[in-house]
């Protein structure tokens, strides 16, 4: 299998590992991570809450946990951070507003 996966998989890995490695973009992000990151980039001040993120991306990725996990990945990669701002959610509770670093 000739995929651009150099250094990501071993020759003995199964085909599913090659497929997973090939799903990363040139920036080292998966398609879902890139969708989440682009969502933030397109928001006013490049910031949003998890609830705002889910409202948009749940039509494409129906599992809330999938979207939140990819957002968490971006946070741990240092691409998103806590803006210090809080917004009320639908239940009138404060939510962290994350922003692009």
N, C-alpha and C. Protein backbone atom coordinates (compact mmCIF):
# COMPACT_ATOMS: atom_id res chain seq x y z
N UNK A 1 0.85 -1.18 0.00
CA UNK A 1 0.00 0.00 0.00
C UNK A 1 0.89 1.24 0.00
N UNK A 2 0.77 2.10 -1.00
CA UNK A 2 1.61 3.28 -1.12
C UNK A 2 0.85 4.53 -0.66
N UNK A 3 0.91 4.83 0.61
CA UNK A 3 0.28 6.02 1.15
C UNK A 3 1.34 6.90 1.79
N UNK A 4 1.06 8.17 1.93
CA UNK A 4 2.00 9.10 2.55
C UNK A 4 1.93 8.94 4.07
N UNK A 5 2.46 7.83 4.54
CA UNK A 5 2.35 7.51 5.96
C UNK A 5 3.71 7.29 6.59
N UNK A 6 4.77 7.77 5.96
CA UNK A 6 6.12 7.56 6.43
C UNK A 6 6.27 7.97 7.89
N UNK A 7 6.77 7.06 8.70
CA UNK A 7 7.00 7.33 10.11
C UNK A 7 5.77 7.20 10.99
N UNK A 8 4.62 6.92 10.39
CA UNK A 8 3.39 6.83 11.17
C UNK A 8 2.98 5.39 11.45
N UNK A 9 3.39 4.48 10.60
CA UNK A 9 3.03 3.08 10.77
C UNK A 9 4.24 2.20 10.47
N UNK A 10 4.17 0.98 10.96
CA UNK A 10 5.23 0.00 10.69
C UNK A 10 4.81 -0.89 9.53
N UNK A 11 5.76 -1.49 8.89
CA UNK A 11 5.47 -2.38 7.75
C UNK A 11 4.59 -3.55 8.16
N UNK A 12 4.64 -3.92 9.42
CA UNK A 12 3.86 -5.07 9.91
C UNK A 12 2.46 -4.68 10.39
N UNK A 13 2.14 -3.38 10.39
CA UNK A 13 0.82 -2.94 10.85
C UNK A 13 -0.27 -3.35 9.87
N UNK A 14 -1.50 -3.57 10.37
CA UNK A 14 -2.60 -3.94 9.48
C UNK A 14 -3.04 -2.77 8.60
N UNK A 15 -3.80 -3.09 7.58
CA UNK A 15 -4.25 -2.07 6.62
C UNK A 15 -5.04 -0.95 7.30
N UNK A 16 -5.74 -1.27 8.39
CA UNK A 16 -6.52 -0.24 9.08
C UNK A 16 -5.61 0.84 9.67
N UNK A 17 -4.42 0.47 10.08
CA UNK A 17 -3.46 1.45 10.61
C UNK A 17 -3.00 2.39 9.50
N UNK A 18 -2.80 1.83 8.31
CA UNK A 18 -2.41 2.67 7.16
C UNK A 18 -3.53 3.63 6.79
N UNK A 19 -4.77 3.14 6.82
CA UNK A 19 -5.92 4.01 6.52
C UNK A 19 -6.04 5.13 7.54
N UNK A 20 -5.85 4.80 8.81
CA UNK A 20 -5.94 5.82 9.85
C UNK A 20 -4.83 6.86 9.68
N UNK A 21 -3.63 6.41 9.40
CA UNK A 21 -2.50 7.33 9.21
C UNK A 21 -2.73 8.23 8.01
N UNK A 22 -3.31 7.68 6.96
CA UNK A 22 -3.57 8.47 5.75
C UNK A 22 -4.66 9.51 5.96
N UNK A 23 -5.46 9.36 7.01
CA UNK A 23 -6.55 10.31 7.26
C UNK A 23 -6.06 11.62 7.87
N UNK A 24 -4.80 11.68 8.27
CA UNK A 24 -4.25 12.92 8.82
C UNK A 24 -3.92 13.89 7.71
N UNK A 25 -4.17 15.17 7.93
CA UNK A 25 -3.84 16.20 6.95
C UNK A 25 -2.36 16.53 7.05
N UNK A 26 -1.91 17.38 6.15
CA UNK A 26 -0.49 17.78 6.19
C UNK A 26 -0.16 18.53 7.47
N UNK A 27 -1.15 19.07 8.14
CA UNK A 27 -0.94 19.77 9.41
C UNK A 27 -0.94 18.83 10.60
N UNK A 28 -1.10 17.54 10.35
CA UNK A 28 -1.12 16.56 11.43
C UNK A 28 -2.46 16.46 12.13
N UNK A 29 -3.52 16.94 11.49
CA UNK A 29 -4.85 16.88 12.07
C UNK A 29 -5.71 15.91 11.29
N UNK A 30 -6.63 15.26 11.97
CA UNK A 30 -7.60 14.41 11.27
C UNK A 30 -8.64 15.31 10.61
N UNK A 31 -9.44 14.73 9.76
CA UNK A 31 -10.49 15.50 9.08
C UNK A 31 -11.44 16.15 10.09
N UNK A 32 -11.81 15.40 11.12
CA UNK A 32 -12.74 15.94 12.13
C UNK A 32 -12.07 17.07 12.92
N UNK A 33 -10.81 16.88 13.31
CA UNK A 33 -10.08 17.93 14.02
C UNK A 33 -10.00 19.18 13.16
N UNK A 34 -9.76 19.00 11.88
CA UNK A 34 -9.67 20.14 10.97
C UNK A 34 -11.02 20.86 10.85
N UNK A 35 -12.11 20.09 10.80
CA UNK A 35 -13.45 20.70 10.77
C UNK A 35 -13.69 21.52 12.04
N UNK A 36 -13.32 20.98 13.19
CA UNK A 36 -13.50 21.68 14.46
C UNK A 36 -12.64 22.95 14.47
N UNK A 37 -11.39 22.83 14.05
CA UNK A 37 -10.49 23.99 14.03
C UNK A 37 -11.01 25.07 13.08
N UNK A 38 -11.46 24.66 11.90
CA UNK A 38 -12.00 25.63 10.95
C UNK A 38 -13.26 26.30 11.48
N UNK A 39 -14.06 25.56 12.25
CA UNK A 39 -15.23 26.17 12.88
C UNK A 39 -14.79 27.35 13.75
N UNK A 40 -13.79 27.13 14.59
CA UNK A 40 -13.29 28.21 15.46
C UNK A 40 -12.72 29.37 14.64
N UNK A 41 -11.99 29.05 13.60
CA UNK A 41 -11.39 30.10 12.76
C UNK A 41 -12.45 30.99 12.12
N UNK A 42 -13.62 30.44 11.87
CA UNK A 42 -14.69 31.19 11.20
C UNK A 42 -15.66 31.89 12.15
N UNK A 43 -15.41 31.82 13.45
CA UNK A 43 -16.28 32.46 14.44
C UNK A 43 -15.79 33.89 14.71
N UNK A 44 -16.72 34.78 15.13
CA UNK A 44 -16.28 36.12 15.54
C UNK A 44 -15.24 35.99 16.65
N UNK A 45 -14.17 36.71 16.53
CA UNK A 45 -13.04 36.67 17.48
C UNK A 45 -12.40 35.29 17.57
N UNK A 46 -12.75 34.39 16.64
CA UNK A 46 -12.18 33.04 16.62
C UNK A 46 -12.38 32.30 17.94
N UNK A 47 -13.59 32.44 18.52
CA UNK A 47 -13.88 31.81 19.80
C UNK A 47 -15.31 31.29 19.84
N UNK A 48 -15.53 30.26 20.68
CA UNK A 48 -16.86 29.65 20.80
C UNK A 48 -16.89 28.73 22.02
N UNK A 49 -18.09 28.34 22.40
CA UNK A 49 -18.28 27.35 23.48
C UNK A 49 -18.48 25.98 22.85
N UNK A 50 -18.40 24.94 23.67
CA UNK A 50 -18.68 23.59 23.18
C UNK A 50 -20.10 23.50 22.62
N UNK A 51 -21.03 24.15 23.28
CA UNK A 51 -22.42 24.10 22.84
C UNK A 51 -22.57 24.71 21.45
N UNK A 52 -21.91 25.83 21.21
CA UNK A 52 -21.96 26.48 19.89
C UNK A 52 -21.32 25.59 18.83
N UNK A 53 -20.22 24.95 19.20
CA UNK A 53 -19.54 24.02 18.30
C UNK A 53 -20.45 22.86 17.94
N UNK A 54 -21.07 22.28 18.93
CA UNK A 54 -21.96 21.14 18.71
C UNK A 54 -23.16 21.51 17.87
N UNK A 55 -23.73 22.70 18.09
CA UNK A 55 -24.89 23.14 17.32
C UNK A 55 -24.61 23.10 15.82
N UNK A 56 -23.39 23.41 15.44
CA UNK A 56 -23.03 23.44 14.02
C UNK A 56 -22.57 22.07 13.52
N UNK A 57 -21.70 21.41 14.26
CA UNK A 57 -21.08 20.19 13.74
C UNK A 57 -21.86 18.90 13.99
N UNK A 58 -22.87 18.93 14.83
CA UNK A 58 -23.62 17.70 15.09
C UNK A 58 -24.41 17.22 13.87
N UNK A 59 -24.65 18.11 12.93
CA UNK A 59 -25.33 17.66 11.70
C UNK A 59 -24.40 16.78 10.86
N UNK A 60 -23.10 17.02 10.97
CA UNK A 60 -22.12 16.22 10.22
C UNK A 60 -21.59 15.05 11.04
N UNK A 61 -21.38 15.27 12.34
CA UNK A 61 -20.87 14.24 13.25
C UNK A 61 -21.87 14.07 14.38
N UNK A 62 -22.79 13.11 14.27
CA UNK A 62 -23.91 13.01 15.21
C UNK A 62 -23.57 12.71 16.67
N UNK A 63 -22.38 12.26 16.97
CA UNK A 63 -22.05 11.94 18.36
C UNK A 63 -21.37 13.14 19.03
N UNK A 64 -21.99 13.65 20.09
CA UNK A 64 -21.41 14.78 20.82
C UNK A 64 -20.00 14.46 21.30
N UNK A 65 -19.80 13.22 21.73
CA UNK A 65 -18.50 12.84 22.26
C UNK A 65 -17.41 12.94 21.19
N UNK A 66 -17.75 12.67 19.94
CA UNK A 66 -16.77 12.78 18.84
C UNK A 66 -16.30 14.21 18.69
N UNK A 67 -17.24 15.13 18.65
CA UNK A 67 -16.91 16.54 18.47
C UNK A 67 -16.12 17.07 19.67
N UNK A 68 -16.58 16.77 20.88
CA UNK A 68 -15.88 17.23 22.09
C UNK A 68 -14.47 16.67 22.18
N UNK A 69 -14.31 15.40 21.82
CA UNK A 69 -13.00 14.77 21.88
C UNK A 69 -12.03 15.45 20.91
N UNK A 70 -12.48 15.76 19.72
CA UNK A 70 -11.60 16.43 18.73
C UNK A 70 -11.26 17.85 19.19
N UNK A 71 -12.21 18.51 19.84
CA UNK A 71 -11.92 19.84 20.40
C UNK A 71 -10.89 19.72 21.50
N UNK A 72 -11.03 18.71 22.34
CA UNK A 72 -10.06 18.46 23.41
C UNK A 72 -8.68 18.18 22.82
N UNK A 73 -8.63 17.40 21.74
CA UNK A 73 -7.35 17.14 21.05
C UNK A 73 -6.68 18.45 20.66
N UNK A 74 -7.45 19.37 20.08
CA UNK A 74 -6.90 20.65 19.64
C UNK A 74 -6.42 21.48 20.82
N UNK A 75 -7.14 21.41 21.93
CA UNK A 75 -6.75 22.11 23.15
C UNK A 75 -5.39 21.57 23.63
N UNK A 76 -5.25 20.25 23.67
CA UNK A 76 -4.00 19.64 24.14
C UNK A 76 -2.85 19.85 23.16
N UNK A 77 -3.15 20.07 21.89
CA UNK A 77 -2.11 20.36 20.91
C UNK A 77 -1.69 21.84 20.98
N UNK A 78 -2.39 22.61 21.81
CA UNK A 78 -2.06 24.03 21.94
C UNK A 78 -2.64 24.92 20.86
N UNK A 79 -3.62 24.41 20.11
CA UNK A 79 -4.24 25.20 19.05
C UNK A 79 -5.44 26.01 19.56
N UNK A 80 -6.03 25.57 20.67
CA UNK A 80 -7.13 26.28 21.32
C UNK A 80 -6.77 26.50 22.78
N UNK A 81 -7.33 27.58 23.36
CA UNK A 81 -7.11 27.83 24.78
C UNK A 81 -8.35 28.47 25.39
N UNK A 82 -8.41 28.52 26.70
CA UNK A 82 -9.49 29.17 27.43
C UNK A 82 -9.32 30.68 27.23
N UNK A 83 -10.36 31.33 26.75
CA UNK A 83 -10.28 32.78 26.50
C UNK A 83 -10.42 33.59 27.78
N UNK A 84 -10.85 32.94 28.86
CA UNK A 84 -11.11 33.65 30.10
C UNK A 84 -12.53 34.18 30.19
N UNK A 85 -13.26 34.10 29.08
CA UNK A 85 -14.65 34.54 29.02
C UNK A 85 -15.58 33.37 29.28
N UNK A 86 -16.74 33.64 29.84
CA UNK A 86 -17.77 32.63 30.06
C UNK A 86 -19.06 33.11 29.43
N UNK A 87 -19.83 32.16 28.87
CA UNK A 87 -21.15 32.46 28.31
C UNK A 87 -22.15 31.49 28.89
N UNK A 88 -23.37 31.95 29.02
CA UNK A 88 -24.45 31.10 29.53
C UNK A 88 -24.88 30.13 28.44
N UNK A 89 -25.12 28.88 28.85
CA UNK A 89 -25.64 27.89 27.91
C UNK A 89 -27.16 27.86 27.98
N UNK A 90 -27.76 26.91 27.29
CA UNK A 90 -29.23 26.80 27.26
C UNK A 90 -29.83 26.59 28.64
N UNK A 91 -29.05 26.03 29.55
CA UNK A 91 -29.53 25.79 30.92
C UNK A 91 -29.12 26.89 31.87
N UNK A 92 -28.68 28.00 31.31
CA UNK A 92 -28.27 29.18 32.07
C UNK A 92 -27.05 28.93 32.97
N UNK A 93 -26.22 28.00 32.57
CA UNK A 93 -24.96 27.74 33.29
C UNK A 93 -23.80 28.30 32.50
N UNK A 94 -22.76 28.70 33.21
CA UNK A 94 -21.58 29.24 32.53
C UNK A 94 -20.83 28.18 31.76
N UNK A 95 -20.39 28.54 30.59
CA UNK A 95 -19.55 27.66 29.77
C UNK A 95 -18.27 28.39 29.43
N UNK A 96 -17.19 27.64 29.35
CA UNK A 96 -15.89 28.19 28.96
C UNK A 96 -15.97 28.56 27.48
N UNK A 97 -15.45 29.73 27.15
CA UNK A 97 -15.33 30.15 25.75
C UNK A 97 -13.88 29.87 25.35
N UNK A 98 -13.72 28.99 24.38
CA UNK A 98 -12.39 28.65 23.87
C UNK A 98 -12.07 29.51 22.67
N UNK A 99 -10.78 29.76 22.46
CA UNK A 99 -10.38 30.56 21.31
C UNK A 99 -9.15 29.97 20.65
N UNK A 100 -8.94 30.37 19.40
CA UNK A 100 -7.76 29.96 18.65
C UNK A 100 -6.55 30.68 19.22
N UNK A 101 -5.47 29.95 19.40
CA UNK A 101 -4.23 30.54 19.94
C UNK A 101 -3.53 31.31 18.86
